[in-house]
Amino acid sequence: MKAFMQLRTYLICLLLALPFGSATADEDDAKYASTINVFKQAGKSGSFFNNSYGYAVFPTIGKAGFVVGGAYGKGRVYAADQWVGNTTVTHVNVGFQLGAQGYSQIIFFEDQRAFNEFTGGNFEFSADASAVAITAGASAAATTTGSSAGASGGQHDATTVGAFYKGMATFTVAKGGLMYQVTIGGQKFSYTPK
């Protein structure tokens, strides 16, 4: 039990060391606009903006782990390019993992059914749902984040691949840090209308 408590304390310290902070409304708007622009310019994910009912975007999800890992991020949900609500993501997992990382994530909703499923309260991706982010300068960093695969070479030179799976498509862009993991578990999302 003592070892678990030490691991938990270590994990909390890693998460607190990631770049989180309070920002003004204008800074928040700029951060979301910049993140959306990255995904619009990132190869295949750009075409999803014209072919989706809506999307959820997370400018920064911080993730850290040492055997027990976790991730947290705040996001916004859009329908017809209008901000309609806020969302948070949490992810706790157990498995071989070590390090810390920040990444941006976007989840596209193919239709109103998928949008309603996500915004209907608490939504969780199943354990087999995944997305893959490749960080420039590292061989590969895999994250269990969503419903289809995506790849990026970094924030400014991202390329992506993916397709809708069960009404959703997920893409990630690595922002920095290194993390190696083989984990189990899924992301949980909460939604609050604007």
Protein backbone atom coordinates (compact mmCIF):
# COMPACT_ATOMS: atom_id res chain seq x y z
CA MET A 1 0.00 0.00 0.00
CA LYS A 2 2.86 2.36 0.81
CA ALA A 3 4.38 1.80 -2.65
CA PHE A 4 1.04 2.60 -4.29
CA MET A 5 0.78 5.85 -2.31
CA GLN A 6 4.29 6.84 -3.40
CA LEU A 7 3.43 6.10 -7.03
CA ARG A 8 0.25 8.13 -6.75
CA THR A 9 2.15 11.07 -5.25
CA TYR A 10 4.74 10.83 -8.03
CA LEU A 11 1.99 10.82 -10.66
CA ILE A 12 0.29 13.86 -9.16
CA CYS A 13 3.61 15.74 -9.14
CA LEU A 14 4.21 14.88 -12.81
CA LEU A 15 0.75 16.08 -13.79
CA LEU A 16 1.20 19.33 -11.86
CA ALA A 17 4.50 19.94 -13.65
CA LEU A 18 2.77 19.94 -17.05
CA PRO A 19 1.85 23.32 -18.53
CA PHE A 20 -1.53 24.13 -17.03
CA GLY A 21 -2.59 27.61 -16.13
CA SER A 22 -5.39 30.06 -15.99
CA ALA A 23 -5.98 32.29 -18.96
CA THR A 24 -8.29 35.14 -19.85
CA ALA A 25 -11.28 34.54 -22.12
CA ASP A 26 -9.39 36.06 -25.07
CA GLU A 27 -6.38 33.83 -24.42
CA ASP A 28 -8.67 30.80 -24.19
CA ASP A 29 -10.37 31.71 -27.48
CA ALA A 30 -6.98 32.14 -29.17
CA LYS A 31 -5.75 28.81 -27.78
CA TYR A 32 -8.80 26.96 -29.15
CA ALA A 33 -8.62 28.75 -32.51
CA SER A 34 -4.93 27.87 -32.83
CA THR A 35 -5.53 24.21 -31.99
CA ILE A 36 -8.44 23.96 -34.44
CA ASN A 37 -6.24 25.54 -37.12
CA VAL A 38 -3.52 22.92 -36.51
CA PHE A 39 -6.04 20.15 -37.16
CA LYS A 40 -7.51 21.98 -40.19
CA GLN A 41 -4.02 22.15 -41.71
CA ALA A 42 -3.08 18.57 -40.75
CA GLY A 43 -3.74 16.48 -43.84
CA LYS A 44 -6.68 14.13 -43.56
CA SER A 45 -8.14 15.62 -40.35
CA GLY A 46 -8.80 18.87 -42.22
CA SER A 47 -11.43 17.22 -44.41
CA PHE A 48 -13.40 16.10 -41.33
CA PHE A 49 -14.41 19.69 -40.55
CA ASN A 50 -16.61 19.77 -43.67
CA ASN A 51 -18.01 16.24 -43.24
CA SER A 52 -18.87 16.13 -39.53
CA TYR A 53 -21.85 17.14 -37.43
CA GLY A 54 -19.49 18.59 -34.82
CA TYR A 55 -16.33 18.04 -32.83
CA ALA A 56 -14.70 18.27 -29.41
CA VAL A 57 -11.25 19.85 -29.22
CA PHE A 58 -8.68 19.72 -26.41
CA PRO A 59 -5.75 22.17 -26.80
CA THR A 60 -3.71 20.34 -24.14
CA ILE A 61 -4.16 17.00 -22.48
CA GLY A 62 -1.44 16.35 -19.93
CA LYS A 63 -0.50 12.75 -19.35
CA ALA A 64 1.97 11.20 -16.90
CA GLY A 65 2.67 7.76 -15.60
CA PHE A 66 4.90 5.45 -13.66
CA VAL A 67 3.15 2.04 -13.71
CA VAL A 68 -0.12 3.85 -12.78
CA GLY A 69 -0.86 6.66 -15.20
CA GLY A 70 -3.35 9.40 -15.74
CA ALA A 71 -4.35 12.19 -18.07
CA TYR A 72 -6.52 15.28 -17.82
CA GLY A 73 -7.61 18.03 -20.16
CA LYS A 74 -10.30 20.65 -20.74
CA GLY A 75 -12.01 21.12 -24.06
CA ARG A 76 -14.85 22.68 -25.98
CA VAL A 77 -17.59 21.03 -28.01
CA TYR A 78 -18.73 22.54 -31.32
CA ALA A 79 -21.75 21.85 -33.54
CA ALA A 80 -21.99 23.57 -36.94
CA ASP A 81 -18.81 25.49 -35.98
CA GLN A 82 -20.58 27.05 -32.97
CA TRP A 83 -19.27 26.53 -29.44
CA VAL A 84 -22.11 24.72 -27.62
CA GLY A 85 -20.49 23.40 -24.44
CA ASN A 86 -17.46 22.41 -22.40
CA THR A 87 -15.95 19.01 -21.79
CA THR A 88 -13.24 17.46 -19.67
CA VAL A 89 -11.32 14.27 -20.21
CA THR A 90 -9.79 12.01 -17.59
CA HIS A 91 -7.94 8.79 -18.15
CA VAL A 92 -6.53 6.44 -15.53
CA ASN A 93 -4.68 3.31 -16.59
CA VAL A 94 -2.46 0.57 -15.29
CA GLY A 95 0.32 -1.08 -17.25
CA PHE A 96 3.91 -0.59 -18.33
CA GLN A 97 4.44 3.16 -18.75
CA LEU A 98 6.97 5.80 -17.80
CA GLY A 99 7.15 9.53 -18.49
CA ALA A 100 5.05 12.58 -19.19
CA GLN A 101 3.60 14.09 -22.34
CA GLY A 102 1.28 16.80 -23.57
CA TYR A 103 -0.83 16.47 -26.69
CA SER A 104 -3.76 18.07 -28.47
CA GLN A 105 -6.76 15.97 -29.41
CA ILE A 106 -9.86 16.37 -31.55
CA ILE A 107 -12.85 14.05 -31.76
CA PHE A 108 -15.16 14.40 -34.77
CA PHE A 109 -18.83 13.35 -34.61
CA GLU A 110 -20.08 11.88 -37.86
CA ASP A 111 -23.74 12.63 -37.19
CA GLN A 112 -26.20 13.88 -34.57
CA ARG A 113 -26.44 10.42 -33.02
CA ALA A 114 -22.69 10.37 -32.26
CA PHE A 115 -22.85 13.98 -31.03
CA ASN A 116 -25.76 13.13 -28.70
CA GLU A 117 -23.94 10.05 -27.42
CA PHE A 118 -20.90 12.16 -26.49
CA THR A 119 -22.87 15.07 -24.99
CA GLY A 120 -25.48 12.92 -23.25
CA GLY A 121 -23.69 13.06 -19.89
CA ASN A 122 -20.68 10.91 -19.15
CA PHE A 123 -19.14 9.24 -22.18
CA GLU A 124 -16.28 6.72 -22.16
CA PHE A 125 -14.32 5.20 -25.01
CA SER A 126 -14.04 1.42 -24.81
CA ALA A 127 -10.70 -0.16 -23.96
CA ASP A 128 -10.12 -1.17 -27.60
CA ALA A 129 -10.53 2.36 -28.97
CA SER A 130 -7.22 3.96 -29.92
CA ALA A 131 -5.30 6.69 -31.68
CA VAL A 132 -1.55 6.77 -32.34
CA ALA A 133 0.65 9.86 -32.20
CA ILE A 134 4.19 9.78 -33.55
CA THR A 135 6.45 12.39 -31.97
CA ALA A 136 9.24 13.92 -34.06
CA GLY A 137 12.59 12.74 -32.78
CA ALA A 138 11.16 9.66 -31.08
CA SER A 139 10.41 6.30 -32.58
CA ALA A 140 6.74 6.28 -31.56
CA ALA A 141 4.52 7.13 -28.63
CA ALA A 142 1.18 5.34 -28.50
CA THR A 143 -1.85 6.65 -26.64
CA THR A 144 -5.22 5.08 -26.04
CA THR A 145 -7.31 8.08 -26.90
CA GLY A 146 -10.08 7.50 -29.32
CA SER A 147 -11.72 5.62 -32.07
CA SER A 148 -9.42 5.75 -35.08
CA ALA A 149 -5.72 6.09 -35.80
CA GLY A 150 -3.88 9.35 -36.41
CA ALA A 151 -0.23 10.28 -36.72
CA SER A 152 1.71 13.50 -36.42
CA GLY A 153 5.25 14.74 -36.74
CA GLY A 154 4.59 17.57 -34.33
CA GLN A 155 2.39 20.59 -33.99
CA HIS A 156 3.58 22.39 -37.12
CA ASP A 157 4.14 19.52 -39.54
CA ALA A 158 1.28 17.19 -38.74
CA THR A 159 -0.06 14.61 -41.12
CA THR A 160 -2.97 12.43 -40.20
CA VAL A 161 -4.86 9.34 -41.26
CA GLY A 162 -8.17 8.14 -39.96
CA ALA A 163 -11.80 7.31 -40.55
CA PHE A 164 -15.04 7.29 -38.60
CA TYR A 165 -15.44 4.33 -36.31
CA LYS A 166 -18.79 3.95 -34.57
CA GLY A 167 -19.59 7.54 -35.54
CA MET A 168 -16.41 9.14 -34.19
CA ALA A 169 -12.88 9.83 -35.45
CA THR A 170 -10.04 10.90 -33.17
CA PHE A 171 -6.76 12.61 -34.03
CA THR A 172 -3.86 13.64 -31.78
CA VAL A 173 -0.87 15.92 -32.24
CA ALA A 174 2.04 15.57 -29.83
CA LYS A 175 3.05 18.81 -28.12
CA GLY A 176 6.13 17.58 -26.32
CA GLY A 177 7.50 15.15 -23.83
CA LEU A 178 8.20 11.49 -24.23
CA MET A 179 6.16 8.60 -22.97
CA TYR A 180 6.31 4.90 -23.62
CA GLN A 181 3.33 2.86 -22.58
CA VAL A 182 1.38 -0.32 -23.10
CA THR A 183 -1.76 0.30 -21.06
CA ILE A 184 -5.37 -0.72 -20.58
CA GLY A 185 -8.31 1.57 -19.99
CA GLY A 186 -10.26 4.31 -21.75
CA GLN A 187 -10.84 8.01 -21.60
CA LYS A 188 -13.89 9.37 -19.76
CA PHE A 189 -15.54 12.61 -20.81
CA SER A 190 -17.96 14.90 -19.03
CA TYR A 191 -20.04 17.52 -20.85
CA THR A 192 -21.64 20.75 -19.69
CA PRO A 193 -23.76 22.84 -22.10
CA LYS A 194 -22.59 26.43 -22.58
